[in-house]
C-alpha atoms as a PDB file:
ATOM      1  CA  MET A   1     -16.722  26.064  28.145  1.00  0.00           C
ATOM      2  CA  SER A   2     -19.613  28.423  27.600  1.00  0.00           C
ATOM      3  CA  LEU A   3     -22.726  27.532  25.675  1.00  0.00           C
ATOM      4  CA  ARG A   4     -21.848  30.211  23.115  1.00  0.00           C
ATOM      5  CA  ILE A   5     -18.444  28.654  22.380  1.00  0.00           C
ATOM      6  CA  LYS A   6     -20.031  25.191  22.116  1.00  0.00           C
ATOM      7  CA  LYS A   7     -22.501  26.519  19.554  1.00  0.00           C
ATOM      8  CA  VAL A   8     -19.734  28.266  17.601  1.00  0.00           C
ATOM      9  CA  ASN A   9     -17.645  25.076  17.631  1.00  0.00           C
ATOM     10  CA  SER A  10     -20.594  23.045  16.378  1.00  0.00           C
ATOM     11  CA  LEU A  11     -21.363  25.530  13.612  1.00  0.00           C
ATOM     12  CA  ILE A  12     -17.740  25.737  12.478  1.00  0.00           C
ATOM     13  CA  LYS A  13     -17.436  21.942  12.480  1.00  0.00           C
ATOM     14  CA  GLU A  14     -20.548  21.654  10.319  1.00  0.00           C
ATOM     15  CA  GLN A  15     -19.415  24.348   7.876  1.00  0.00           C
ATOM     16  CA  ILE A  16     -15.824  23.103   7.557  1.00  0.00           C
ATOM     17  CA  SER A  17     -17.071  19.544   6.969  1.00  0.00           C
ATOM     18  CA  GLU A  18     -19.263  20.847   4.169  1.00  0.00           C
ATOM     19  CA  ILE A  19     -16.374  22.838   2.677  1.00  0.00           C
ATOM     20  CA  PHE A  20     -14.158  19.731   2.756  1.00  0.00           C
ATOM     21  CA  THR A  21     -16.844  17.688   1.013  1.00  0.00           C
ATOM     22  CA  ARG A  22     -17.719  20.204  -1.689  1.00  0.00           C
ATOM     23  CA  GLU A  23     -14.670  22.371  -2.282  1.00  0.00           C
ATOM     24  CA  LEU A  24     -11.477  20.579  -1.254  1.00  0.00           C
ATOM     25  CA  ASN A  25      -9.701  18.615  -3.958  1.00  0.00           C
ATOM     26  CA  LEU A  26      -7.455  15.893  -2.593  1.00  0.00           C
ATOM     27  CA  LYS A  27      -5.783  13.005  -4.354  1.00  0.00           C
ATOM     28  CA  PRO A  28      -8.013   9.939  -4.736  1.00  0.00           C
ATOM     29  CA  GLY A  29      -8.250   7.712  -1.681  1.00  0.00           C
ATOM     30  CA  VAL A  30      -7.516  10.425   0.903  1.00  0.00           C
ATOM     31  CA  PHE A  31     -10.349  11.314   3.252  1.00  0.00           C
ATOM     32  CA  LEU A  32     -10.495  14.070   5.857  1.00  0.00           C
ATOM     33  CA  THR A  33     -12.869  14.217   8.780  1.00  0.00           C
ATOM     34  CA  VAL A  34     -13.319  17.043  11.242  1.00  0.00           C
ATOM     35  CA  ALA A  35     -12.790  15.327  14.587  1.00  0.00           C
ATOM     36  CA  LYS A  36     -13.041  18.316  16.899  1.00  0.00           C
ATOM     37  CA  VAL A  37     -13.195  22.101  16.862  1.00  0.00           C
ATOM     38  CA  ASP A  38     -11.774  24.222  19.669  1.00  0.00           C
ATOM     39  CA  THR A  39     -12.429  27.979  19.512  1.00  0.00           C
ATOM     40  CA  THR A  40     -10.800  30.504  21.827  1.00  0.00           C
ATOM     41  CA  ARG A  41     -13.010  32.511  24.188  1.00  0.00           C
ATOM     42  CA  ASP A  42     -12.358  35.738  22.313  1.00  0.00           C
ATOM     43  CA  LEU A  43     -13.380  34.052  19.029  1.00  0.00           C
ATOM     44  CA  ARG A  44     -10.130  35.063  17.337  1.00  0.00           C
ATOM     45  CA  TYR A  45      -8.862  31.554  16.577  1.00  0.00           C
ATOM     46  CA  THR A  46     -10.286  28.120  16.116  1.00  0.00           C
ATOM     47  CA  ARG A  47      -8.246  24.935  16.045  1.00  0.00           C
ATOM     48  CA  ILE A  48      -9.732  22.352  13.747  1.00  0.00           C
ATOM     49  CA  PHE A  49      -8.586  18.827  14.512  1.00  0.00           C
ATOM     50  CA  ILE A  50      -8.579  16.629  11.420  1.00  0.00           C
ATOM     51  CA  SER A  51      -8.419  12.868  11.168  1.00  0.00           C
ATOM     52  CA  VAL A  52      -6.869  11.583   7.955  1.00  0.00           C
ATOM     53  CA  PHE A  53      -7.438   8.255   6.256  1.00  0.00           C
ATOM     54  CA  PRO A  54      -5.121   6.589   5.435  1.00  0.00           C
ATOM     55  CA  ASP A  55      -2.684   7.592   8.195  1.00  0.00           C
ATOM     56  CA  ALA A  56       0.220   7.504   5.762  1.00  0.00           C
ATOM     57  CA  ASP A  57      -1.175  10.609   4.035  1.00  0.00           C
ATOM     58  CA  ARG A  58      -1.166  12.860   7.127  1.00  0.00           C
ATOM     59  CA  ASN A  59       1.665  15.055   5.854  1.00  0.00           C
ATOM     60  CA  TYR A  60       0.077  15.307   2.407  1.00  0.00           C
ATOM     61  CA  ALA A  61      -3.211  16.382   4.013  1.00  0.00           C
ATOM     62  CA  LEU A  62      -1.547  19.040   6.165  1.00  0.00           C
ATOM     63  CA  VAL A  63       0.298  20.477   3.169  1.00  0.00           C
ATOM     64  CA  ALA A  64      -2.922  20.488   1.122  1.00  0.00           C
ATOM     65  CA  LEU A  65      -4.792  22.251   3.939  1.00  0.00           C
ATOM     66  CA  LYS A  66      -1.983  24.771   4.353  1.00  0.00           C
ATOM     67  CA  ASN A  67      -2.092  25.535   0.618  1.00  0.00           C
ATOM     68  CA  GLU A  68      -5.892  25.893   0.646  1.00  0.00           C
ATOM     69  CA  LYS A  69      -6.187  27.649   4.017  1.00  0.00           C
ATOM     70  CA  LYS A  70      -6.957  31.115   2.607  1.00  0.00           C
ATOM     71  CA  ARG A  71      -9.628  29.763   0.299  1.00  0.00           C
ATOM     72  CA  ILE A  72     -11.163  27.657   3.085  1.00  0.00           C
ATOM     73  CA  GLN A  73     -11.126  30.676   5.438  1.00  0.00           C
ATOM     74  CA  LYS A  74     -12.787  32.859   2.789  1.00  0.00           C
ATOM     75  CA  SER A  75     -15.464  30.242   2.192  1.00  0.00           C
ATOM     76  CA  LEU A  76     -16.076  29.891   5.950  1.00  0.00           C
ATOM     77  CA  ASN A  77     -16.329  33.682   6.290  1.00  0.00           C
ATOM     78  CA  LYS A  78     -19.072  33.745   3.646  1.00  0.00           C
ATOM     79  CA  LYS A  79     -21.053  30.974   5.347  1.00  0.00           C
ATOM     80  CA  MET A  80     -20.833  32.260   8.917  1.00  0.00           C
ATOM     81  CA  GLN A  81     -23.160  35.003  10.099  1.00  0.00           C
ATOM     82  CA  MET A  82     -21.080  36.388  12.920  1.00  0.00           C
ATOM     83  CA  LYS A  83     -19.455  39.734  13.635  1.00  0.00           C
ATOM     84  CA  ILE A  84     -16.082  38.124  14.428  1.00  0.00           C
ATOM     85  CA  ILE A  85     -15.102  35.031  12.488  1.00  0.00           C
ATOM     86  CA  PRO A  86     -12.216  33.054  13.975  1.00  0.00           C
ATOM     87  CA  LYS A  87      -9.051  32.427  11.991  1.00  0.00           C
ATOM     88  CA  ILE A  88      -8.636  28.723  11.357  1.00  0.00           C
ATOM     89  CA  LEU A  89      -5.679  26.621  12.413  1.00  0.00           C
ATOM     90  CA  PHE A  90      -5.486  23.004  11.277  1.00  0.00           C
ATOM     91  CA  LYS A  91      -4.131  20.258  13.535  1.00  0.00           C
ATOM     92  CA  ILE A  92      -3.981  16.501  13.059  1.00  0.00           C
ATOM     93  CA  ASP A  93      -6.117  14.598  15.554  1.00  0.00           C
ATOM     94  CA  THR A  94      -3.902  11.890  17.018  1.00  0.00           C
ATOM     95  CA  THR A  95      -6.453  10.502  19.462  1.00  0.00           C
ATOM     96  CA  GLU A  96      -7.137   7.370  17.425  1.00  0.00           C
ATOM     97  CA  ALA A  97      -3.441   6.609  16.840  1.00  0.00           C
ATOM     98  CA  GLU A  98      -2.687   7.115  20.534  1.00  0.00           C
ATOM     99  CA  ALA A  99      -5.579   4.835  21.497  1.00  0.00           C
ATOM    100  CA  ASP A 100      -4.249   2.137  19.149  1.00  0.00           C
ATOM    101  CA  GLU A 101      -0.790   2.447  20.694  1.00  0.00           C
ATOM    102  CA  ILE A 102      -2.185   2.117  24.227  1.00  0.00           C
ATOM    103  CA  GLU A 103      -4.227  -0.880  23.147  1.00  0.00           C
ATOM    104  CA  LYS A 104      -1.108  -2.564  21.713  1.00  0.00           C
ATOM    105  CA  ILE A 105       0.789  -1.958  24.949  1.00  0.00           C
ATOM    106  CA  LEU A 106      -2.059  -3.375  27.033  1.00  0.00           C
ATOM    107  CA  ARG A 107      -2.261  -6.473  24.803  1.00  0.00           C
ATOM    108  CA  LYS A 108       1.488  -6.974  25.122  1.00  0.00           C
ATOM    109  CA  ILE A 109       1.292  -6.718  28.922  1.00  0.00           C
ATOM    110  CA  LYS A 110      -1.596  -9.162  28.986  1.00  0.00           C
ATOM    111  CA  GLU A 111       0.308 -11.649  26.809  1.00  0.00           C
ATOM    112  CA  GLU A 112       3.372 -11.442  29.078  1.00  0.00           C
ATOM    113  CA  LYS A 113       1.306 -12.414  32.127  1.00  0.00           C
END
């Protein structure tokens, strides 16, 4: 990954986090965190991986983001000072859930021995 893409990812992560904090209205008790940003080399698309707390509200969060996507994109476009601004795609970050599952399996194996 080039230094340019790393900088773009960092900037987008910062700006999207700020947009979530200031502009996104979710039901009480639901929190979104930008876990990772992955922008394509041509800067056309950026995948934004979101972690949701509590896990039970993942679907709600995805629907809310889908409904607000145009507004979030417009807000990002205003904040970014770039010639090409990537189109955002939201994905749920499952890293933590997968790590928990692996940990449970390892504990189970350890208990069986």
